[in-house]
Amino acid sequence: MRTLTLVAMAAVLVSCGERKPARAERTCEVRGEVIRLDPQVRTAVVKHEKICDWMEAMSMEFPVRKQDDFDLLKPGEKIVATVHIGDPAFWLSDVHPSK
């Protein structure tokens, strides 16, 4: 009985230490309108169309990692950008005015 208890405890400890493998980052195109910007934390709220199979059309806040990309954003402007989808982080890059 004691051996069985030790084996069960060892199995619990091993399973607690297991991690899910991180998913590879992927990218998708984002098309939308900039609603507002927060330069202090470098985020942009964008009212966007559906983003590939990741997100339905909605307004949401996107981090923008590079200052050069953030500087191209203006409220009211329509944009095309790339969203990087990681696990769990996501962010915008390659920002361009929409044509």
PDB file of N, CA and C in Angstrom:
ATOM      1  N   MET A   1       0.824  -1.197   0.000  1.00  0.00           N
ATOM      2  CA  MET A   1       0.000   0.000   0.000  1.00  0.00           C
ATOM      3  C   MET A   1       0.869   1.262   0.000  1.00  0.00           C
ATOM      4  N   ARG A   2       1.934   1.229   0.780  1.00  0.00           N
ATOM      5  CA  ARG A   2       2.824   2.377   0.867  1.00  0.00           C
ATOM      6  C   ARG A   2       3.486   2.654  -0.491  1.00  0.00           C
ATOM      7  N   THR A   3       3.881   1.616  -1.199  1.00  0.00           N
ATOM      8  CA  THR A   3       4.504   1.763  -2.517  1.00  0.00           C
ATOM      9  C   THR A   3       3.518   2.390  -3.494  1.00  0.00           C
ATOM     10  N   LEU A   4       2.268   1.939  -3.456  1.00  0.00           N
ATOM     11  CA  LEU A   4       1.238   2.477  -4.340  1.00  0.00           C
ATOM     12  C   LEU A   4       1.021   3.970  -4.065  1.00  0.00           C
ATOM     13  N   THR A   5       1.013   4.359  -2.797  1.00  0.00           N
ATOM     14  CA  THR A   5       0.850   5.763  -2.436  1.00  0.00           C
ATOM     15  C   THR A   5       2.017   6.591  -2.964  1.00  0.00           C
ATOM     16  N   LEU A   6       3.243   6.092  -2.823  1.00  0.00           N
ATOM     17  CA  LEU A   6       4.419   6.814  -3.315  1.00  0.00           C
ATOM     18  C   LEU A   6       4.394   6.960  -4.833  1.00  0.00           C
ATOM     19  N   VAL A   7       3.972   5.922  -5.527  1.00  0.00           N
ATOM     20  CA  VAL A   7       3.883   5.973  -6.987  1.00  0.00           C
ATOM     21  C   VAL A   7       2.836   7.014  -7.403  1.00  0.00           C
ATOM     22  N   ALA A   8       1.703   7.026  -6.723  1.00  0.00           N
ATOM     23  CA  ALA A   8       0.644   7.991  -7.042  1.00  0.00           C
ATOM     24  C   ALA A   8       1.122   9.419  -6.794  1.00  0.00           C
ATOM     25  N   MET A   9       1.815   9.642  -5.698  1.00  0.00           N
ATOM     26  CA  MET A   9       2.329  10.981  -5.391  1.00  0.00           C
ATOM     27  C   MET A   9       3.356  11.422  -6.433  1.00  0.00           C
ATOM     28  N   ALA A  10       4.208  10.509  -6.844  1.00  0.00           N
ATOM     29  CA  ALA A  10       5.215  10.832  -7.861  1.00  0.00           C
ATOM     30  C   ALA A  10       4.537  11.209  -9.179  1.00  0.00           C
ATOM     31  N   ALA A  11       3.486  10.498  -9.541  1.00  0.00           N
ATOM     32  CA  ALA A  11       2.763  10.788 -10.787  1.00  0.00           C
ATOM     33  C   ALA A  11       2.132  12.180 -10.729  1.00  0.00           C
ATOM     34  N   VAL A  12       1.582  12.547  -9.581  1.00  0.00           N
ATOM     35  CA  VAL A  12       0.980  13.873  -9.420  1.00  0.00           C
ATOM     36  C   VAL A  12       2.048  14.956  -9.552  1.00  0.00           C
ATOM     37  N   LEU A  13       3.176  14.762  -8.914  1.00  0.00           N
ATOM     38  CA  LEU A  13       4.252  15.750  -8.979  1.00  0.00           C
ATOM     39  C   LEU A  13       4.777  15.918 -10.401  1.00  0.00           C
ATOM     40  N   VAL A  14       4.927  14.824 -11.114  1.00  0.00           N
ATOM     41  CA  VAL A  14       5.407  14.901 -12.499  1.00  0.00           C
ATOM     42  C   VAL A  14       4.399  15.639 -13.368  1.00  0.00           C
ATOM     43  N   SER A  15       3.116  15.343 -13.213  1.00  0.00           N
ATOM     44  CA  SER A  15       2.106  15.994 -14.056  1.00  0.00           C
ATOM     45  C   SER A  15       1.985  17.468 -13.742  1.00  0.00           C
ATOM     46  N   CYS A  16       2.244  17.889 -12.506  1.00  0.00           N
ATOM     47  CA  CYS A  16       2.194  19.309 -12.159  1.00  0.00           C
ATOM     48  C   CYS A  16       3.318  20.081 -12.829  1.00  0.00           C
ATOM     49  N   GLY A  17       4.422  19.436 -13.071  1.00  0.00           N
ATOM     50  CA  GLY A  17       5.568  20.107 -13.668  1.00  0.00           C
ATOM     51  C   GLY A  17       5.537  20.139 -15.179  1.00  0.00           C
ATOM     52  N   GLU A  18       4.596  19.439 -15.801  1.00  0.00           N
ATOM     53  CA  GLU A  18       4.533  19.410 -17.263  1.00  0.00           C
ATOM     54  C   GLU A  18       4.014  20.734 -17.793  1.00  0.00           C
ATOM     55  N   ARG A  19       4.540  21.157 -18.905  1.00  0.00           N
ATOM     56  CA  ARG A  19       4.090  22.376 -19.570  1.00  0.00           C
ATOM     57  C   ARG A  19       3.575  22.025 -20.950  1.00  0.00           C
ATOM     58  N   LYS A  20       2.590  22.792 -21.369  1.00  0.00           N
ATOM     59  CA  LYS A  20       2.120  22.635 -22.742  1.00  0.00           C
ATOM     60  C   LYS A  20       3.174  23.217 -23.667  1.00  0.00           C
ATOM     61  N   PRO A  21       3.427  22.571 -24.783  1.00  0.00           N
ATOM     62  CA  PRO A  21       4.385  23.161 -25.721  1.00  0.00           C
ATOM     63  C   PRO A  21       3.827  24.463 -26.287  1.00  0.00           C
ATOM     64  N   ALA A  22       4.664  25.471 -26.408  1.00  0.00           N
ATOM     65  CA  ALA A  22       4.226  26.752 -26.956  1.00  0.00           C
ATOM     66  C   ALA A  22       3.908  26.589 -28.435  1.00  0.00           C
ATOM     67  N   ARG A  23       2.822  27.223 -28.846  1.00  0.00           N
ATOM     68  CA  ARG A  23       2.471  27.198 -30.266  1.00  0.00           C
ATOM     69  C   ARG A  23       3.366  28.176 -31.013  1.00  0.00           C
ATOM     70  N   ALA A  24       3.659  27.844 -32.231  1.00  0.00           N
ATOM     71  CA  ALA A  24       4.482  28.727 -33.064  1.00  0.00           C
ATOM     72  C   ALA A  24       3.705  30.010 -33.346  1.00  0.00           C
ATOM     73  N   GLU A  25       4.422  31.101 -33.395  1.00  0.00           N
ATOM     74  CA  GLU A  25       3.801  32.370 -33.741  1.00  0.00           C
ATOM     75  C   GLU A  25       3.328  32.317 -35.190  1.00  0.00           C
ATOM     76  N   ARG A  26       2.192  32.960 -35.449  1.00  0.00           N
ATOM     77  CA  ARG A  26       1.717  33.071 -36.826  1.00  0.00           C
ATOM     78  C   ARG A  26       1.291  34.508 -37.067  1.00  0.00           C
ATOM     79  N   THR A  27       1.086  34.876 -38.310  1.00  0.00           N
ATOM     80  CA  THR A  27       0.693  36.237 -38.645  1.00  0.00           C
ATOM     81  C   THR A  27      -0.534  36.229 -39.542  1.00  0.00           C
ATOM     82  N   CYS A  28      -1.314  37.298 -39.433  1.00  0.00           N
ATOM     83  CA  CYS A  28      -2.490  37.503 -40.280  1.00  0.00           C
ATOM     84  C   CYS A  28      -2.594  38.985 -40.605  1.00  0.00           C
ATOM     85  N   GLU A  29      -3.257  39.291 -41.702  1.00  0.00           N
ATOM     86  CA  GLU A  29      -3.506  40.678 -42.078  1.00  0.00           C
ATOM     87  C   GLU A  29      -4.656  41.243 -41.258  1.00  0.00           C
ATOM     88  N   VAL A  30      -4.525  42.506 -40.871  1.00  0.00           N
ATOM     89  CA  VAL A  30      -5.581  43.240 -40.155  1.00  0.00           C
ATOM     90  C   VAL A  30      -5.966  44.444 -41.004  1.00  0.00           C
ATOM     91  N   ARG A  31      -7.268  44.623 -41.210  1.00  0.00           N
ATOM     92  CA  ARG A  31      -7.788  45.810 -41.893  1.00  0.00           C
ATOM     93  C   ARG A  31      -8.798  46.456 -40.966  1.00  0.00           C
ATOM     94  N   GLY A  32      -8.639  47.762 -40.758  1.00  0.00           N
ATOM     95  CA  GLY A  32      -9.588  48.425 -39.875  1.00  0.00           C
ATOM     96  C   GLY A  32      -9.328  49.904 -39.745  1.00  0.00           C
ATOM     97  N   GLU A  33     -10.028  50.510 -38.775  1.00  0.00           N
ATOM     98  CA  GLU A  33      -9.923  51.940 -38.512  1.00  0.00           C
ATOM     99  C   GLU A  33      -9.402  52.151 -37.097  1.00  0.00           C
ATOM    100  N   VAL A  34      -8.422  53.028 -36.960  1.00  0.00           N
ATOM    101  CA  VAL A  34      -7.877  53.356 -35.649  1.00  0.00           C
ATOM    102  C   VAL A  34      -8.901  54.206 -34.899  1.00  0.00           C
ATOM    103  N   ILE A  35      -9.294  53.759 -33.718  1.00  0.00           N
ATOM    104  CA  ILE A  35     -10.269  54.480 -32.902  1.00  0.00           C
ATOM    105  C   ILE A  35      -9.565  55.412 -31.920  1.00  0.00           C
ATOM    106  N   ARG A  36      -8.589  54.879 -31.182  1.00  0.00           N
ATOM    107  CA  ARG A  36      -7.823  55.712 -30.245  1.00  0.00           C
ATOM    108  C   ARG A  36      -6.457  55.096 -29.979  1.00  0.00           C
ATOM    109  N   LEU A  37      -5.574  55.931 -29.479  1.00  0.00           N
ATOM    110  CA  LEU A  37      -4.197  55.528 -29.204  1.00  0.00           C
ATOM    111  C   LEU A  37      -3.850  55.828 -27.754  1.00  0.00           C
ATOM    112  N   ASP A  38      -2.981  55.011 -27.171  1.00  0.00           N
ATOM    113  CA  ASP A  38      -2.434  55.271 -25.843  1.00  0.00           C
ATOM    114  C   ASP A  38      -0.914  55.233 -25.955  1.00  0.00           C
ATOM    115  N   PRO A  39      -0.284  56.413 -26.127  1.00  0.00           N
ATOM    116  CA  PRO A  39       1.164  56.444 -26.323  1.00  0.00           C
ATOM    117  C   PRO A  39       1.962  56.003 -25.091  1.00  0.00           C
ATOM    118  N   GLN A  40       1.379  56.108 -23.906  1.00  0.00           N
ATOM    119  CA  GLN A  40       2.115  55.722 -22.694  1.00  0.00           C
ATOM    120  C   GLN A  40       2.427  54.233 -22.674  1.00  0.00           C
ATOM    121  N   VAL A  41       1.503  53.419 -23.159  1.00  0.00           N
ATOM    122  CA  VAL A  41       1.727  51.966 -23.178  1.00  0.00           C
ATOM    123  C   VAL A  41       1.815  51.422 -24.606  1.00  0.00           C
ATOM    124  N   ARG A  42       1.794  52.323 -25.573  1.00  0.00           N
ATOM    125  CA  ARG A  42       1.909  52.000 -26.996  1.00  0.00           C
ATOM    126  C   ARG A  42       0.879  50.957 -27.425  1.00  0.00           C
ATOM    127  N   THR A  43      -0.405  51.318 -27.259  1.00  0.00           N
ATOM    128  CA  THR A  43      -1.492  50.457 -27.730  1.00  0.00           C
ATOM    129  C   THR A  43      -2.418  51.264 -28.637  1.00  0.00           C
ATOM    130  N   ALA A  44      -3.108  50.544 -29.516  1.00  0.00           N
ATOM    131  CA  ALA A  44      -4.067  51.160 -30.429  1.00  0.00           C
ATOM    132  C   ALA A  44      -5.364  50.363 -30.392  1.00  0.00           C
ATOM    133  N   VAL A  45      -6.476  51.065 -30.223  1.00  0.00           N
ATOM    134  CA  VAL A  45      -7.783  50.421 -30.363  1.00  0.00           C
ATOM    135  C   VAL A  45      -8.157  50.520 -31.833  1.00  0.00           C
ATOM    136  N   VAL A  46      -8.409  49.370 -32.435  1.00  0.00           N
ATOM    137  CA  VAL A  46      -8.723  49.302 -33.866  1.00  0.00           C
ATOM    138  C   VAL A  46     -10.062  48.592 -34.036  1.00  0.00           C
ATOM    139  N   LYS A  47     -10.958  49.219 -34.794  1.00  0.00           N
ATOM    140  CA  LYS A  47     -12.215  48.583 -35.198  1.00  0.00           C
ATOM    141  C   LYS A  47     -11.889  47.833 -36.482  1.00  0.00           C
ATOM    142  N   HIS A  48     -11.764  46.504 -36.381  1.00  0.00           N
ATOM    143  CA  HIS A  48     -11.224  45.733 -37.500  1.00  0.00           C
ATOM    144  C   HIS A  48     -12.241  44.764 -38.095  1.00  0.00           C
ATOM    145  N   GLU A  49     -11.933  44.352 -39.313  1.00  0.00           N
ATOM    146  CA  GLU A  49     -12.691  43.298 -39.986  1.00  0.00           C
ATOM    147  C   GLU A  49     -12.276  41.960 -39.367  1.00  0.00           C
ATOM    148  N   LYS A  50     -12.913  40.887 -39.793  1.00  0.00           N
ATOM    149  CA  LYS A  50     -12.518  39.562 -39.327  1.00  0.00           C
ATOM    150  C   LYS A  50     -11.034  39.340 -39.633  1.00  0.00           C
ATOM    151  N   ILE A  51     -10.320  38.772 -38.663  1.00  0.00           N
ATOM    152  CA  ILE A  51      -8.888  38.502 -38.823  1.00  0.00           C
ATOM    153  C   ILE A  51      -8.707  36.996 -38.983  1.00  0.00           C
ATOM    154  N   CYS A  52      -8.411  36.568 -40.199  1.00  0.00           N
ATOM    155  CA  CYS A  52      -8.248  35.151 -40.572  1.00  0.00           C
ATOM    156  C   CYS A  52      -9.190  34.284 -39.740  1.00  0.00           C
ATOM    157  N   ASP A  53      -8.731  33.193 -39.191  1.00  0.00           N
ATOM    158  CA  ASP A  53      -9.603  32.335 -38.371  1.00  0.00           C
ATOM    159  C   ASP A  53      -9.382  32.594 -36.876  1.00  0.00           C
ATOM    160  N   TRP A  54      -8.789  33.757 -36.554  1.00  0.00           N
ATOM    161  CA  TRP A  54      -8.407  34.056 -35.181  1.00  0.00           C
ATOM    162  C   TRP A  54      -9.428  34.906 -34.429  1.00  0.00           C
ATOM    163  N   MET A  55      -9.999  35.927 -35.088  1.00  0.00           N
ATOM    164  CA  MET A  55     -10.847  36.885 -34.382  1.00  0.00           C
ATOM    165  C   MET A  55     -11.938  37.404 -35.305  1.00  0.00           C
ATOM    166  N   GLU A  56     -13.151  37.441 -34.780  1.00  0.00           N
ATOM    167  CA  GLU A  56     -14.262  38.024 -35.536  1.00  0.00           C
ATOM    168  C   GLU A  56     -14.104  39.542 -35.593  1.00  0.00           C
ATOM    169  N   ALA A  57     -14.871  40.185 -36.461  1.00  0.00           N
ATOM    170  CA  ALA A  57     -14.841  41.643 -36.569  1.00  0.00           C
ATOM    171  C   ALA A  57     -15.291  42.260 -35.250  1.00  0.00           C
ATOM    172  N   MET A  58     -14.539  43.239 -34.776  1.00  0.00           N
ATOM    173  CA  MET A  58     -14.841  43.908 -33.514  1.00  0.00           C
ATOM    174  C   MET A  58     -13.866  45.051 -33.310  1.00  0.00           C
ATOM    175  N   SER A  59     -13.992  45.757 -32.206  1.00  0.00           N
ATOM    176  CA  SER A  59     -13.003  46.758 -31.800  1.00  0.00           C
ATOM    177  C   SER A  59     -12.202  46.163 -30.662  1.00  0.00           C
ATOM    178  N   MET A  60     -10.882  46.237 -30.759  1.00  0.00           N
ATOM    179  CA  MET A  60     -10.043  45.706 -29.693  1.00  0.00           C
ATOM    180  C   MET A  60      -8.721  46.459 -29.628  1.00  0.00           C
ATOM    181  N   GLU A  61      -8.076  46.332 -28.489  1.00  0.00           N
ATOM    182  CA  GLU A  61      -6.811  47.004 -28.243  1.00  0.00           C
ATOM    183  C   GLU A  61      -5.651  46.105 -28.651  1.00  0.00           C
ATOM    184  N   PHE A  62      -4.736  46.672 -29.425  1.00  0.00           N
ATOM    185  CA  PHE A  62      -3.563  45.944 -29.887  1.00  0.00           C
ATOM    186  C   PHE A  62      -2.299  46.618 -29.357  1.00  0.00           C
ATOM    187  N   PRO A  63      -1.392  45.878 -28.757  1.00  0.00           N
ATOM    188  CA  PRO A  63      -0.074  46.433 -28.473  1.00  0.00           C
ATOM    189  C   PRO A  63       0.667  46.649 -29.799  1.00  0.00           C
ATOM    190  N   VAL A  64       1.521  47.661 -29.833  1.00  0.00           N
ATOM    191  CA  VAL A  64       2.353  47.939 -31.004  1.00  0.00           C
ATOM    192  C   VAL A  64       3.785  48.001 -30.483  1.00  0.00           C
ATOM    193  N   ARG A  65       4.580  47.002 -30.787  1.00  0.00           N
ATOM    194  CA  ARG A  65       5.907  46.883 -30.177  1.00  0.00           C
ATOM    195  C   ARG A  65       6.908  47.929 -30.655  1.00  0.00           C
ATOM    196  N   LYS A  66       6.865  48.269 -31.937  1.00  0.00           N
ATOM    197  CA  LYS A  66       7.873  49.194 -32.484  1.00  0.00           C
ATOM    198  C   LYS A  66       7.325  50.620 -32.533  1.00  0.00           C
ATOM    199  N   GLN A  67       8.117  51.547 -32.041  1.00  0.00           N
ATOM    200  CA  GLN A  67       7.716  52.958 -32.032  1.00  0.00           C
ATOM    201  C   GLN A  67       7.465  53.465 -33.450  1.00  0.00           C
ATOM    202  N   ASP A  68       8.263  53.021 -34.423  1.00  0.00           N
ATOM    203  CA  ASP A  68       8.071  53.458 -35.817  1.00  0.00           C
ATOM    204  C   ASP A  68       6.679  53.082 -36.328  1.00  0.00           C
ATOM    205  N   ASP A  69       6.211  51.880 -36.004  1.00  0.00           N
ATOM    206  CA  ASP A  69       4.861  51.468 -36.405  1.00  0.00           C
ATOM    207  C   ASP A  69       3.814  52.296 -35.667  1.00  0.00           C
ATOM    208  N   PHE A  70       4.015  52.522 -34.379  1.00  0.00           N
ATOM    209  CA  PHE A  70       3.046  53.295 -33.595  1.00  0.00           C
ATOM    210  C   PHE A  70       2.928  54.719 -34.131  1.00  0.00           C
ATOM    211  N   ASP A  71       4.039  55.306 -34.527  1.00  0.00           N
ATOM    212  CA  ASP A  71       4.036  56.683 -35.024  1.00  0.00           C
ATOM    213  C   ASP A  71       3.220  56.843 -36.308  1.00  0.00           C
ATOM    214  N   LEU A  72       2.972  55.762 -37.036  1.00  0.00           N
ATOM    215  CA  LEU A  72       2.190  55.822 -38.274  1.00  0.00           C
ATOM    216  C   LEU A  72       0.683  55.807 -38.019  1.00  0.00           C
ATOM    217  N   LEU A  73       0.272  55.521 -36.796  1.00  0.00           N
ATOM    218  CA  LEU A  73      -1.153  55.408 -36.472  1.00  0.00           C
ATOM    219  C   LEU A  73      -1.753  56.765 -36.118  1.00  0.00           C
ATOM    220  N   LYS A  74      -2.937  57.030 -36.667  1.00  0.00           N
ATOM    221  CA  LYS A  74      -3.663  58.267 -36.391  1.00  0.00           C
ATOM    222  C   LYS A  74      -5.141  57.914 -36.178  1.00  0.00           C
ATOM    223  N   PRO A  75      -5.781  58.424 -35.118  1.00  0.00           N
ATOM    224  CA  PRO A  75      -7.209  58.162 -34.927  1.00  0.00           C
ATOM    225  C   PRO A  75      -8.019  58.574 -36.152  1.00  0.00           C
ATOM    226  N   GLY A  76      -8.963  57.721 -36.530  1.00  0.00           N
ATOM    227  CA  GLY A  76      -9.813  57.973 -37.688  1.00  0.00           C
ATOM    228  C   GLY A  76      -9.250  57.446 -38.993  1.00  0.00           C
ATOM    229  N   GLU A  77      -7.991  57.032 -38.988  1.00  0.00           N
ATOM    230  CA  GLU A  77      -7.351  56.544 -40.208  1.00  0.00           C
ATOM    231  C   GLU A  77      -7.611  55.054 -40.417  1.00  0.00           C
ATOM    232  N   LYS A  78      -7.861  54.685 -41.663  1.00  0.00           N
ATOM    233  CA  LYS A  78      -8.001  53.272 -42.019  1.00  0.00           C
ATOM    234  C   LYS A  78      -6.608  52.709 -42.286  1.00  0.00           C
ATOM    235  N   ILE A  79      -6.364  51.509 -41.755  1.00  0.00           N
ATOM    236  CA  ILE A  79      -5.030  50.913 -41.868  1.00  0.00           C
ATOM    237  C   ILE A  79      -5.094  49.464 -42.331  1.00  0.00           C
ATOM    238  N   VAL A  80      -3.949  49.003 -42.794  1.00  0.00           N
ATOM    239  CA  VAL A  80      -3.671  47.587 -43.027  1.00  0.00           C
ATOM    240  C   VAL A  80      -2.407  47.313 -42.227  1.00  0.00           C
ATOM    241  N   ALA A  81      -2.396  46.213 -41.475  1.00  0.00           N
ATOM    242  CA  ALA A  81      -1.234  45.875 -40.653  1.00  0.00           C
ATOM    243  C   ALA A  81      -1.130  44.358 -40.556  1.00  0.00           C
ATOM    244  N   THR A  82      -0.076  43.927 -39.899  1.00  0.00           N
ATOM    245  CA  THR A  82       0.117  42.511 -39.617  1.00  0.00           C
ATOM    246  C   THR A  82      -0.073  42.295 -38.125  1.00  0.00           C
ATOM    247  N   VAL A  83      -0.901  41.317 -37.760  1.00  0.00           N
ATOM    248  CA  VAL A  83      -0.994  40.945 -36.352  1.00  0.00           C
ATOM    249  C   VAL A  83      -0.169  39.674 -36.166  1.00  0.00           C
ATOM    250  N   HIS A  84       0.696  39.716 -35.178  1.00  0.00           N
ATOM    251  CA  HIS A  84       1.492  38.555 -34.789  1.00  0.00           C
ATOM    252  C   HIS A  84       0.723  37.872 -33.665  1.00  0.00           C
ATOM    253  N   ILE A  85       0.433  36.600 -33.838  1.00  0.00           N
ATOM    254  CA  ILE A  85      -0.366  35.861 -32.867  1.00  0.00           C
ATOM    255  C   ILE A  85       0.540  34.825 -32.230  1.00  0.00           C
ATOM    256  N   GLY A  86       0.898  35.080 -30.987  1.00  0.00           N
ATOM    257  CA  GLY A  86       1.741  34.160 -30.247  1.00  0.00           C
ATOM    258  C   GLY A  86       0.928  33.437 -29.192  1.00  0.00           C
ATOM    259  N   ASP A  87       1.595  32.886 -28.240  1.00  0.00           N
ATOM    260  CA  ASP A  87       0.909  32.172 -27.164  1.00  0.00           C
ATOM    261  C   ASP A  87       1.477  32.640 -25.848  1.00  0.00           C
ATOM    262  N   PRO A  88       0.872  33.582 -25.166  1.00  0.00           N
ATOM    263  CA  PRO A  88      -0.454  34.173 -25.356  1.00  0.00           C
ATOM    264  C   PRO A  88      -0.434  35.565 -25.986  1.00  0.00           C
ATOM    265  N   ALA A  89       0.720  36.143 -26.247  1.00  0.00           N
ATOM    266  CA  ALA A  89       0.803  37.536 -26.692  1.00  0.00           C
ATOM    267  C   ALA A  89       0.409  37.714 -28.161  1.00  0.00           C
ATOM    268  N   PHE A  90      -0.072  38.926 -28.467  1.00  0.00           N
ATOM    269  CA  PHE A  90      -0.329  39.322 -29.856  1.00  0.00           C
ATOM    270  C   PHE A  90       0.031  40.798 -29.965  1.00  0.00           C
ATOM    271  N   TRP A  91       0.399  41.249 -31.179  1.00  0.00           N
ATOM    272  CA  TRP A  91       0.777  42.641 -31.381  1.00  0.00           C
ATOM    273  C   TRP A  91       0.738  42.976 -32.863  1.00  0.00           C
ATOM    274  N   LEU A  92       0.717  44.285 -33.158  1.00  0.00           N
ATOM    275  CA  LEU A  92       0.685  44.774 -34.536  1.00  0.00           C
ATOM    276  C   LEU A  92       2.067  45.179 -35.018  1.00  0.00           C
ATOM    277  N   SER A  93       2.305  45.016 -36.315  1.00  0.00           N
ATOM    278  CA  SER A  93       3.508  45.522 -36.965  1.00  0.00           C
ATOM    279  C   SER A  93       3.164  45.832 -38.420  1.00  0.00           C
ATOM    280  N   ASP A  94       4.139  46.329 -39.156  1.00  0.00           N
ATOM    281  CA  ASP A  94       3.992  46.609 -40.592  1.00  0.00           C
ATOM    282  C   ASP A  94       2.736  47.432 -40.891  1.00  0.00           C
ATOM    283  N   VAL A  95       2.558  48.521 -40.166  1.00  0.00           N
ATOM    284  CA  VAL A  95       1.376  49.372 -40.292  1.00  0.00           C
ATOM    285  C   VAL A  95       1.483  50.233 -41.545  1.00  0.00           C
ATOM    286  N   HIS A  96       0.379  50.277 -42.331  1.00  0.00           N
ATOM    287  CA  HIS A  96       0.303  51.110 -43.540  1.00  0.00           C
ATOM    288  C   HIS A  96      -1.098  51.697 -43.649  1.00  0.00           C
ATOM    289  N   PRO A  97      -1.214  52.910 -44.208  1.00  0.00           N
ATOM    290  CA  PRO A  97      -2.555  53.431 -44.491  1.00  0.00           C
ATOM    291  C   PRO A  97      -3.250  52.521 -45.496  1.00  0.00           C
ATOM    292  N   SER A  98      -4.547  52.328 -45.319  1.00  0.00           N
ATOM    293  CA  SER A  98      -5.327  51.525 -46.261  1.00  0.00           C
ATOM    294  C   SER A  98      -5.590  52.335 -47.521  1.00  0.00           C
ATOM    295  N   LYS A  99      -5.608  51.660 -48.655  1.00  0.00           N
ATOM    296  CA  LYS A  99      -5.848  52.349 -49.926  1.00  0.00           C
ATOM    297  C   LYS A  99      -7.287  52.269 -50.314  1.00  0.00           C
TER     298      LYS A  99
END
